[in-house]
């Protein structure tokens, strides 16, 4: 182990081309936030997580949890931004689907006259 680098950062990295630059367990695409969800919110043990993902160790899980708690505000902010972006996309797709359906109904029911909104 490198004595000049904290253990959590030896196991966790953030790279622009990997998971959108979000912190992940080094050499994987398993995000720190995912480890937090599985452990802290779903109640899985570090050993259970490591068993489900044999490419990581129990030490990786604990390092990810340490990293999460050291950077909680930043990680939570990133995830909230992602959730807001996904919600906006869903809303936009829903509006687009509704508009297409409305247009198709207009053609069938009104001989092509638009249905008023």
C-alpha atoms as a PDB file:
ATOM      1  CA  UNK A   1       0.000   0.000   0.000  1.00  0.00           C
ATOM      2  CA  UNK A   2       1.242   3.485  -0.849  1.00  0.00           C
ATOM      3  CA  UNK A   3       1.726   5.294   2.476  1.00  0.00           C
ATOM      4  CA  UNK A   4       1.310   8.756   0.913  1.00  0.00           C
ATOM      5  CA  UNK A   5      -2.124   8.066  -0.519  1.00  0.00           C
ATOM      6  CA  UNK A   6      -5.215   7.447   1.659  1.00  0.00           C
ATOM      7  CA  UNK A   7      -6.562   3.905   1.344  1.00  0.00           C
ATOM      8  CA  UNK A   8      -9.922   5.069  -0.047  1.00  0.00           C
ATOM      9  CA  UNK A   9      -8.277   6.841  -2.985  1.00  0.00           C
ATOM     10  CA  UNK A  10      -6.124   3.806  -3.740  1.00  0.00           C
ATOM     11  CA  UNK A  11      -9.306   1.815  -4.353  1.00  0.00           C
ATOM     12  CA  UNK A  12     -11.437   4.558  -5.938  1.00  0.00           C
ATOM     13  CA  UNK A  13     -10.876   6.579  -9.083  1.00  0.00           C
ATOM     14  CA  UNK A  14     -12.759   9.078 -11.228  1.00  0.00           C
ATOM     15  CA  UNK A  15     -12.017   9.046 -14.953  1.00  0.00           C
ATOM     16  CA  UNK A  16     -13.890  11.070 -17.582  1.00  0.00           C
ATOM     17  CA  UNK A  17     -14.510   8.057 -19.842  1.00  0.00           C
ATOM     18  CA  UNK A  18     -15.733   5.757 -17.070  1.00  0.00           C
ATOM     19  CA  UNK A  19     -19.274   6.109 -15.681  1.00  0.00           C
ATOM     20  CA  UNK A  20     -19.441   9.749 -16.672  1.00  0.00           C
ATOM     21  CA  UNK A  21     -16.496  10.609 -14.456  1.00  0.00           C
ATOM     22  CA  UNK A  22     -18.267   9.513 -11.288  1.00  0.00           C
ATOM     23  CA  UNK A  23     -16.100   7.848  -8.630  1.00  0.00           C
ATOM     24  CA  UNK A  24     -15.832   4.080  -9.144  1.00  0.00           C
ATOM     25  CA  UNK A  25     -13.910   1.230  -7.639  1.00  0.00           C
ATOM     26  CA  UNK A  26     -10.568   1.266  -9.454  1.00  0.00           C
ATOM     27  CA  UNK A  27     -10.540  -0.926 -12.556  1.00  0.00           C
ATOM     28  CA  UNK A  28     -14.320  -1.424 -12.578  1.00  0.00           C
ATOM     29  CA  UNK A  29     -17.481   0.415 -13.526  1.00  0.00           C
ATOM     30  CA  UNK A  30     -18.974  -0.097 -10.059  1.00  0.00           C
ATOM     31  CA  UNK A  31     -19.750   3.366  -8.737  1.00  0.00           C
ATOM     32  CA  UNK A  32     -19.141   4.464  -5.166  1.00  0.00           C
ATOM     33  CA  UNK A  33     -22.787   5.555  -5.045  1.00  0.00           C
ATOM     34  CA  UNK A  34     -23.921   2.020  -5.957  1.00  0.00           C
ATOM     35  CA  UNK A  35     -21.882   0.594  -3.088  1.00  0.00           C
ATOM     36  CA  UNK A  36     -23.529   3.131  -0.749  1.00  0.00           C
ATOM     37  CA  UNK A  37     -27.011   2.111  -1.947  1.00  0.00           C
ATOM     38  CA  UNK A  38     -26.355  -1.613  -1.592  1.00  0.00           C
ATOM     39  CA  UNK A  39     -24.726  -1.295   1.830  1.00  0.00           C
ATOM     40  CA  UNK A  40     -26.379   1.661   3.546  1.00  0.00           C
ATOM     41  CA  UNK A  41     -29.849   1.590   1.978  1.00  0.00           C
ATOM     42  CA  UNK A  42     -30.394  -2.077   1.123  1.00  0.00           C
ATOM     43  CA  UNK A  43     -28.511  -3.471   4.125  1.00  0.00           C
ATOM     44  CA  UNK A  44     -26.091  -5.747   2.278  1.00  0.00           C
ATOM     45  CA  UNK A  45     -22.840  -6.523   4.040  1.00  0.00           C
ATOM     46  CA  UNK A  46     -19.468  -5.757   2.485  1.00  0.00           C
ATOM     47  CA  UNK A  47     -18.905  -9.504   2.114  1.00  0.00           C
ATOM     48  CA  UNK A  48     -22.246  -9.960   0.318  1.00  0.00           C
ATOM     49  CA  UNK A  49     -21.412  -7.176  -2.123  1.00  0.00           C
ATOM     50  CA  UNK A  50     -17.949  -8.600  -2.786  1.00  0.00           C
ATOM     51  CA  UNK A  51     -19.477 -12.045  -3.348  1.00  0.00           C
ATOM     52  CA  UNK A  52     -21.988 -10.653  -5.855  1.00  0.00           C
ATOM     53  CA  UNK A  53     -19.172  -8.835  -7.679  1.00  0.00           C
ATOM     54  CA  UNK A  54     -16.102 -11.068  -7.537  1.00  0.00           C
ATOM     55  CA  UNK A  55     -13.987  -8.449  -9.321  1.00  0.00           C
ATOM     56  CA  UNK A  56     -13.978  -6.383  -6.109  1.00  0.00           C
ATOM     57  CA  UNK A  57     -12.778  -7.144  -2.612  1.00  0.00           C
ATOM     58  CA  UNK A  58     -14.262  -6.426   0.792  1.00  0.00           C
ATOM     59  CA  UNK A  59     -11.515  -3.786   1.144  1.00  0.00           C
ATOM     60  CA  UNK A  60     -12.785  -2.155  -2.070  1.00  0.00           C
ATOM     61  CA  UNK A  61     -16.287  -2.002  -0.589  1.00  0.00           C
ATOM     62  CA  UNK A  62     -15.096  -0.386   2.642  1.00  0.00           C
ATOM     63  CA  UNK A  63     -12.874   2.031   0.722  1.00  0.00           C
ATOM     64  CA  UNK A  64     -15.844   3.023  -1.447  1.00  0.00           C
ATOM     65  CA  UNK A  65     -17.966   3.588   1.662  1.00  0.00           C
ATOM     66  CA  UNK A  66     -15.209   5.695   3.204  1.00  0.00           C
ATOM     67  CA  UNK A  67     -14.915   7.688  -0.008  1.00  0.00           C
ATOM     68  CA  UNK A  68     -18.690   8.167  -0.110  1.00  0.00           C
ATOM     69  CA  UNK A  69     -18.837   9.490   3.448  1.00  0.00           C
ATOM     70  CA  UNK A  70     -15.816  11.768   2.845  1.00  0.00           C
ATOM     71  CA  UNK A  71     -17.435  13.178  -0.347  1.00  0.00           C
ATOM     72  CA  UNK A  72     -21.121  12.706   0.432  1.00  0.00           C
ATOM     73  CA  UNK A  73     -22.307  16.196  -0.525  1.00  0.00           C
ATOM     74  CA  UNK A  74     -20.606  16.143  -3.926  1.00  0.00           C
ATOM     75  CA  UNK A  75     -21.763  12.607  -4.768  1.00  0.00           C
ATOM     76  CA  UNK A  76     -25.354  13.292  -3.671  1.00  0.00           C
ATOM     77  CA  UNK A  77     -25.362  16.467  -5.771  1.00  0.00           C
ATOM     78  CA  UNK A  78     -24.152  14.555  -8.850  1.00  0.00           C
ATOM     79  CA  UNK A  79     -26.838  11.920  -8.367  1.00  0.00           C
ATOM     80  CA  UNK A  80     -29.563  14.557  -7.892  1.00  0.00           C
ATOM     81  CA  UNK A  81     -28.446  16.246 -11.117  1.00  0.00           C
ATOM     82  CA  UNK A  82     -28.597  12.885 -12.912  1.00  0.00           C
ATOM     83  CA  UNK A  83     -32.083  12.186 -11.516  1.00  0.00           C
ATOM     84  CA  UNK A  84     -33.318  15.616 -12.629  1.00  0.00           C
ATOM     85  CA  UNK A  85     -31.874  15.097 -16.114  1.00  0.00           C
ATOM     86  CA  UNK A  86     -33.525  11.662 -16.391  1.00  0.00           C
ATOM     87  CA  UNK A  87     -36.879  13.068 -15.211  1.00  0.00           C
ATOM     88  CA  UNK A  88     -36.680  15.850 -17.801  1.00  0.00           C
ATOM     89  CA  UNK A  89     -35.952  13.303 -20.534  1.00  0.00           C
ATOM     90  CA  UNK A  90     -38.879  11.137 -19.446  1.00  0.00           C
ATOM     91  CA  UNK A  91     -41.178  14.141 -19.431  1.00  0.00           C
ATOM     92  CA  UNK A  92     -39.963  15.232 -22.850  1.00  0.00           C
ATOM     93  CA  UNK A  93     -40.405  11.737 -24.299  1.00  0.00           C
ATOM     94  CA  UNK A  94     -43.853  11.507 -22.755  1.00  0.00           C
ATOM     95  CA  UNK A  95     -44.861  14.819 -24.349  1.00  0.00           C
ATOM     96  CA  UNK A  96     -43.457  13.685 -27.693  1.00  0.00           C
ATOM     97  CA  UNK A  97     -45.320  10.384 -27.508  1.00  0.00           C
ATOM     98  CA  UNK A  98     -48.517  12.175 -26.534  1.00  0.00           C
ATOM     99  CA  UNK A  99     -48.123  14.649 -29.392  1.00  0.00           C
ATOM    100  CA  UNK A 100     -47.636  11.842 -31.911  1.00  0.00           C
ATOM    101  CA  UNK A 101     -50.667   9.976 -30.566  1.00  0.00           C
ATOM    102  CA  UNK A 102     -52.762  13.125 -30.649  1.00  0.00           C
ATOM    103  CA  UNK A 103     -51.700  13.768 -34.254  1.00  0.00           C
ATOM    104  CA  UNK A 104     -52.571  10.198 -35.287  1.00  0.00           C
ATOM    105  CA  UNK A 105     -55.968  10.429 -33.604  1.00  0.00           C
ATOM    106  CA  UNK A 106     -56.575  13.741 -35.299  1.00  0.00           C
ATOM    107  CA  UNK A 107     -55.988  12.235 -38.704  1.00  0.00           C
ATOM    108  CA  UNK A 108     -58.261   9.256 -38.005  1.00  0.00           C
ATOM    109  CA  UNK A 109     -61.072  11.031 -36.188  1.00  0.00           C
ATOM    110  CA  UNK A 110     -61.174  14.438 -37.795  1.00  0.00           C
ATOM    111  CA  UNK A 111     -59.961  13.815 -41.281  1.00  0.00           C
ATOM    112  CA  UNK A 112     -56.657  15.479 -40.523  1.00  0.00           C
ATOM    113  CA  UNK A 113     -57.949  18.473 -38.604  1.00  0.00           C
ATOM    114  CA  UNK A 114     -55.860  19.057 -35.490  1.00  0.00           C
ATOM    115  CA  UNK A 115     -57.377  18.254 -32.128  1.00  0.00           C
ATOM    116  CA  UNK A 116     -57.309  21.388 -30.003  1.00  0.00           C
ATOM    117  CA  UNK A 117     -55.097  21.237 -26.946  1.00  0.00           C
END
